[in-house]
Protein backbone atom coordinates (compact mmCIF):
# COMPACT_ATOMS: atom_id res chain seq x y z
CA MET A 1 0.00 0.00 0.00
CA ARG A 2 1.33 3.44 -0.92
CA LEU A 3 2.31 5.81 1.91
CA ARG A 4 -0.37 8.33 0.91
CA GLN A 5 -3.08 5.67 1.12
CA VAL A 6 -1.92 4.77 4.63
CA VAL A 7 -1.97 8.42 5.68
CA LYS A 8 -5.49 8.84 4.28
CA ARG A 9 -6.74 5.90 6.34
CA ILE A 10 -5.04 7.25 9.45
CA GLY A 11 -6.63 10.63 8.82
CA LYS A 12 -10.09 9.16 9.26
CA SER A 13 -9.38 8.30 12.90
CA ALA A 14 -8.38 11.02 15.38
CA SER A 15 -7.05 8.49 17.87
CA ALA A 16 -5.00 6.71 15.22
CA GLN A 17 -3.64 10.04 14.03
CA ARG A 18 -2.62 11.02 17.57
CA SER A 19 -0.79 7.71 17.94
CA MET A 20 0.90 8.11 14.57
CA ALA A 21 1.95 11.66 15.44
CA TRP A 22 3.50 10.42 18.70
CA LEU A 23 5.42 7.77 16.77
CA VAL A 24 6.63 10.31 14.21
CA ALA A 25 7.81 12.74 16.89
CA ASN A 26 9.65 10.06 18.81
CA TYR A 27 11.21 8.63 15.66
CA ILE A 28 12.62 12.12 14.97
CA ARG A 29 14.01 12.20 18.51
CA LEU A 30 15.50 8.73 18.02
CA VAL A 31 17.27 9.82 14.83
CA TYR A 32 18.54 12.98 16.48
CA TYR A 33 19.91 11.40 19.65
CA THR A 34 21.52 8.40 17.93
CA SER A 35 23.25 10.44 15.23
CA ARG A 36 26.09 12.93 14.85
CA TRP A 37 24.94 16.34 13.63
CA HIS A 38 26.99 19.24 12.37
CA ILE A 39 25.02 22.50 12.43
CA GLU A 40 26.50 25.34 10.41
CA GLY A 41 25.25 28.89 9.89
CA ILE A 42 23.92 29.70 13.38
CA GLU A 43 25.89 32.95 13.11
CA HIS A 44 23.43 34.10 10.44
CA ILE A 45 20.49 34.09 12.83
CA GLU A 46 22.19 35.08 16.09
CA PRO A 47 21.98 38.84 15.28
CA LEU A 48 18.28 38.47 14.46
CA HIS A 49 17.67 36.76 17.79
CA ALA A 50 19.66 39.41 19.63
CA ALA A 51 17.58 42.15 17.99
CA LYS A 52 14.36 40.18 18.60
CA GLN A 53 13.76 40.36 14.84
CA ALA A 54 11.22 37.81 13.69
CA TYR A 55 12.23 35.96 10.54
CA VAL A 56 10.80 33.35 8.19
CA GLY A 57 12.71 30.07 8.04
CA ALA A 58 12.41 28.35 4.65
CA TYR A 59 13.28 24.75 3.78
CA TRP A 60 12.01 22.42 1.09
CA HIS A 61 9.12 20.07 1.85
CA SER A 62 11.38 17.05 1.46
CA ARG A 63 13.73 18.30 4.21
CA MET A 64 11.19 18.98 6.93
CA MET A 65 11.81 15.82 8.96
CA VAL A 66 14.39 17.02 11.46
CA MET A 67 14.28 20.79 10.97
CA SER A 68 11.79 21.41 13.77
CA HIS A 69 13.81 19.53 16.37
CA ILE A 70 17.33 20.46 15.30
CA TRP A 71 17.11 23.99 13.96
CA LEU A 72 13.82 25.59 14.93
CA CYS A 73 13.73 24.23 18.48
CA ARG A 74 17.45 24.42 19.16
CA ALA A 75 18.26 27.87 17.77
CA PRO A 76 20.64 29.85 20.01
CA GLY A 77 18.92 30.84 23.22
CA ARG A 78 15.48 30.10 21.75
CA PRO A 79 14.39 33.71 22.52
CA LEU A 80 11.42 33.74 20.13
CA PRO A 81 8.44 31.41 19.79
CA MET A 82 7.88 29.63 16.47
CA ARG A 83 4.85 29.02 14.27
CA VAL A 84 4.92 26.64 11.32
CA LEU A 85 2.77 26.99 8.22
CA ILE A 86 1.05 23.64 7.64
CA SER A 87 -1.48 22.80 4.93
CA GLY A 88 -4.99 21.90 5.99
CA HIS A 89 -5.26 18.49 4.28
CA ARG A 90 -4.87 15.18 6.13
CA ASP A 91 -1.12 14.96 5.73
CA GLY A 92 -0.87 18.43 7.24
CA GLN A 93 -3.06 17.48 10.20
CA LEU A 94 -0.69 14.62 11.01
CA ILE A 95 2.32 16.94 10.75
CA SER A 96 0.62 19.50 13.02
CA ARG A 97 0.05 16.87 15.70
CA ALA A 98 3.64 15.64 15.39
CA ILE A 99 5.34 19.03 15.70
CA ALA A 100 3.11 19.90 18.66
CA HIS A 101 5.32 17.45 20.58
CA PHE A 102 8.14 19.99 20.03
CA LYS A 103 6.03 22.84 21.46
CA LEU A 104 5.58 24.43 18.05
CA GLU A 105 2.37 26.19 17.02
CA THR A 106 0.87 25.95 13.55
CA ILE A 107 -0.80 28.27 11.07
CA THR A 108 -3.15 26.44 8.71
CA GLY A 109 -2.92 27.20 5.02
CA SER A 110 -0.63 26.96 2.03
CA THR A 111 0.48 28.77 -1.08
CA THR A 112 -2.40 27.16 -2.97
CA ARG A 113 -5.19 26.57 -0.43
CA GLY A 114 -6.22 29.07 2.20
CA GLY A 115 -3.39 31.27 0.95
CA HIS A 116 -4.90 34.62 1.88
CA GLY A 117 -5.74 33.59 5.45
CA ALA A 118 -2.35 31.93 5.86
CA LEU A 119 -0.58 35.08 4.65
CA LEU A 120 -2.48 37.21 7.14
CA GLY A 121 -1.68 34.75 9.92
CA LEU A 122 2.02 34.82 9.10
CA ILE A 123 2.12 38.63 8.94
CA ARG A 124 0.27 38.85 12.25
CA SER A 125 2.73 36.43 13.84
CA ILE A 126 5.72 38.45 12.61
CA GLU A 127 4.16 41.66 13.94
CA GLU A 128 3.84 39.90 17.31
CA GLY A 129 7.56 39.07 17.22
CA VAL A 130 6.98 35.39 16.44
CA HIS A 131 9.22 33.88 13.80
CA CYS A 132 7.72 31.43 11.34
CA SER A 133 8.73 28.60 9.06
CA VAL A 134 7.45 27.69 5.62
CA THR A 135 8.05 24.93 3.07
CA PRO A 136 7.71 27.11 -0.05
CA ASP A 137 7.26 24.23 -2.50
CA GLY A 138 4.54 22.52 -0.47
CA PRO A 139 2.09 20.99 -0.22
CA ARG A 140 1.84 20.12 -3.92
CA GLY A 141 5.07 21.10 -5.65
CA PRO A 142 6.70 21.24 -8.08
CA ARG A 143 9.60 19.89 -6.03
CA MET A 144 12.16 22.49 -4.96
CA ARG A 145 10.45 25.26 -6.91
CA LEU A 146 9.64 28.38 -4.94
CA GLN A 147 6.01 29.44 -4.85
CA PRO A 148 5.60 33.25 -4.87
CA GLY A 149 3.71 33.48 -1.58
CA ILE A 150 6.84 33.53 0.59
CA ILE A 151 8.29 36.42 -1.43
CA THR A 152 5.05 38.36 -1.02
CA LEU A 153 5.21 37.66 2.71
CA ALA A 154 8.77 39.01 2.93
CA ALA A 155 7.84 42.17 1.00
CA LEU A 156 4.71 42.90 3.04
CA SER A 157 6.17 42.11 6.46
CA GLY A 158 9.75 43.30 6.01
CA ALA A 159 10.92 40.09 7.72
CA PRO A 160 14.03 38.39 6.32
CA LEU A 161 13.83 34.94 4.78
CA VAL A 162 16.36 32.46 6.20
CA PRO A 163 17.07 29.40 4.02
CA ALA A 164 17.90 26.12 5.75
CA THR A 165 18.24 22.46 4.94
CA PHE A 166 19.54 19.13 6.21
CA ALA A 167 21.08 16.01 4.72
CA ALA A 168 21.93 12.61 6.19
CA SER A 169 24.45 10.00 5.12
CA ARG A 170 22.02 7.20 6.03
CA CYS A 171 18.54 7.90 4.71
CA LEU A 172 15.75 6.71 2.49
CA VAL A 173 14.59 8.92 -0.37
CA LEU A 174 10.89 8.13 -0.72
CA ASN A 175 9.13 7.87 -4.05
CA THR A 176 6.91 10.86 -3.36
CA TRP A 177 6.43 14.06 -5.36
CA ASP A 178 9.01 15.85 -3.17
CA ARG A 179 11.48 12.94 -2.87
CA PHE A 180 11.07 13.07 0.91
CA VAL A 181 14.33 12.45 2.80
CA LEU A 182 13.75 10.03 5.69
CA ALA A 183 16.86 10.07 7.86
CA LEU A 184 17.76 6.80 9.59
CA PRO A 185 19.14 6.30 13.11
CA PHE A 186 22.89 6.29 13.65
CA THR A 187 23.49 8.59 10.72
CA ARG A 188 25.89 11.43 10.09
CA GLY A 189 23.92 14.58 9.39
CA VAL A 190 24.48 18.18 8.50
CA VAL A 191 22.20 21.17 8.96
CA LEU A 192 23.01 24.28 6.94
CA ILE A 193 21.50 27.71 7.60
CA GLY A 194 22.01 30.40 4.97
CA GLU A 195 22.24 34.17 5.10
CA PRO A 196 19.07 36.22 5.64
CA PHE A 197 17.42 37.39 2.42
CA TYR A 198 15.43 40.62 2.32
CA VAL A 199 12.77 41.72 -0.18
CA ALA A 200 12.08 45.45 -0.50
CA ARG A 201 8.60 46.55 0.51
CA ASP A 202 8.21 48.67 -2.65
CA SER A 203 9.19 45.86 -5.05
CA ASP A 204 7.31 45.82 -8.35
CA ASN A 205 6.32 42.60 -10.11
CA PHE A 206 9.64 42.33 -11.92
CA ALA A 207 11.59 42.77 -8.67
CA LEU A 208 9.40 40.21 -6.88
CA GLU A 209 9.99 37.64 -9.61
CA SER A 210 13.72 38.33 -9.60
CA ALA A 211 13.73 37.84 -5.82
CA ARG A 212 11.78 34.59 -6.18
CA LEU A 213 14.27 33.15 -8.65
CA GLU A 214 17.28 34.26 -6.59
CA PHE A 215 15.97 32.84 -3.32
CA GLU A 216 15.05 29.58 -5.07
CA ARG A 217 18.60 29.40 -6.41
CA ARG A 218 20.04 29.95 -2.93
CA MET A 219 17.83 27.27 -1.38
CA ASN A 220 18.75 24.75 -4.05
CA ALA A 221 22.46 25.54 -3.79
CA LEU A 222 22.34 25.12 -0.01
CA THR A 223 20.48 21.81 -0.31
CA ALA A 224 22.91 20.46 -2.91
CA GLU A 225 25.83 21.45 -0.69
CA ALA A 226 24.31 19.61 2.27
CA ASP A 227 23.90 16.44 0.21
CA GLN A 228 27.48 16.67 -1.02
CA ARG A 229 28.76 17.17 2.55
CA VAL A 230 27.41 13.75 3.56
CA GLY A 231 28.50 12.03 0.36
CA ARG A 232 25.10 11.75 -1.32
CA GLU A 233 24.08 12.63 -4.85
CA PRO A 234 22.06 15.87 -4.77
CA ILE A 235 18.36 15.58 -5.53
CA GLU A 236 17.48 17.69 -8.55
CA PRO A 237 14.56 20.13 -8.60
CA ALA A 238 11.54 19.23 -10.68
CA PRO A 239 11.27 20.90 -14.08
CA ALA A 240 9.96 24.41 -13.57
CA THR A 241 6.96 23.67 -15.80
CA GLU A 242 5.91 20.51 -13.93
CA PRO A 243 2.25 20.87 -12.83
CA PRO A 244 1.36 20.73 -9.12
CA ARG A 245 0.42 17.35 -7.64
CA ALA A 246 -2.92 16.64 -6.03
CA THR A 247 -2.86 16.69 -2.23
CA ARG A 248 -5.51 14.02 -1.73
């Protein structure tokens, strides 16, 4: 049975979904505590934390597995709370329950569904001093292609975008639209955090598109570097013209 079919069945039962979320959260903890992790780029976010400047963490959908526990929860000093943008479909509900085990709040929405409400929720969080995280190719793809919503968010809020990623020497790359990276216990992992990226508030459409392409390039370069650091072949982005995948 395909993974998505299993998730759909789980989604029909709240109790089963709670149990699955507990298993997911504790599997992430197992991978973290049995593995050796090198975290690089903390110096890029330390000044933002010191200034209490909310930012938007961005990582591809396929690299979400350990980001909450390693980067978002273990940022230096943890001076700011964190809210994660999660889509409202069944997969997203499971993810929301799982990351709740790491004391993270969620904002429901996506770049394709509930986008306006999600954008307002993110802007409101930033105004409250809460930093956020987004998977800007989710929930439907194309893989590793930046949807414009995160650039609009940066322009409207003034908050910097901070790219991040992880890679693991021992992992499974699932046959899903995003090529989800499932890290295995006793692995050697690397987490890379890039430099903050700002989008001018008065950007016109041309400037917004230029910013989108540049930030996508930076995220992909960072992700390829992480894969190379652990000796794995980088996963290529989907063709830019590939249509989005159905979420259900």
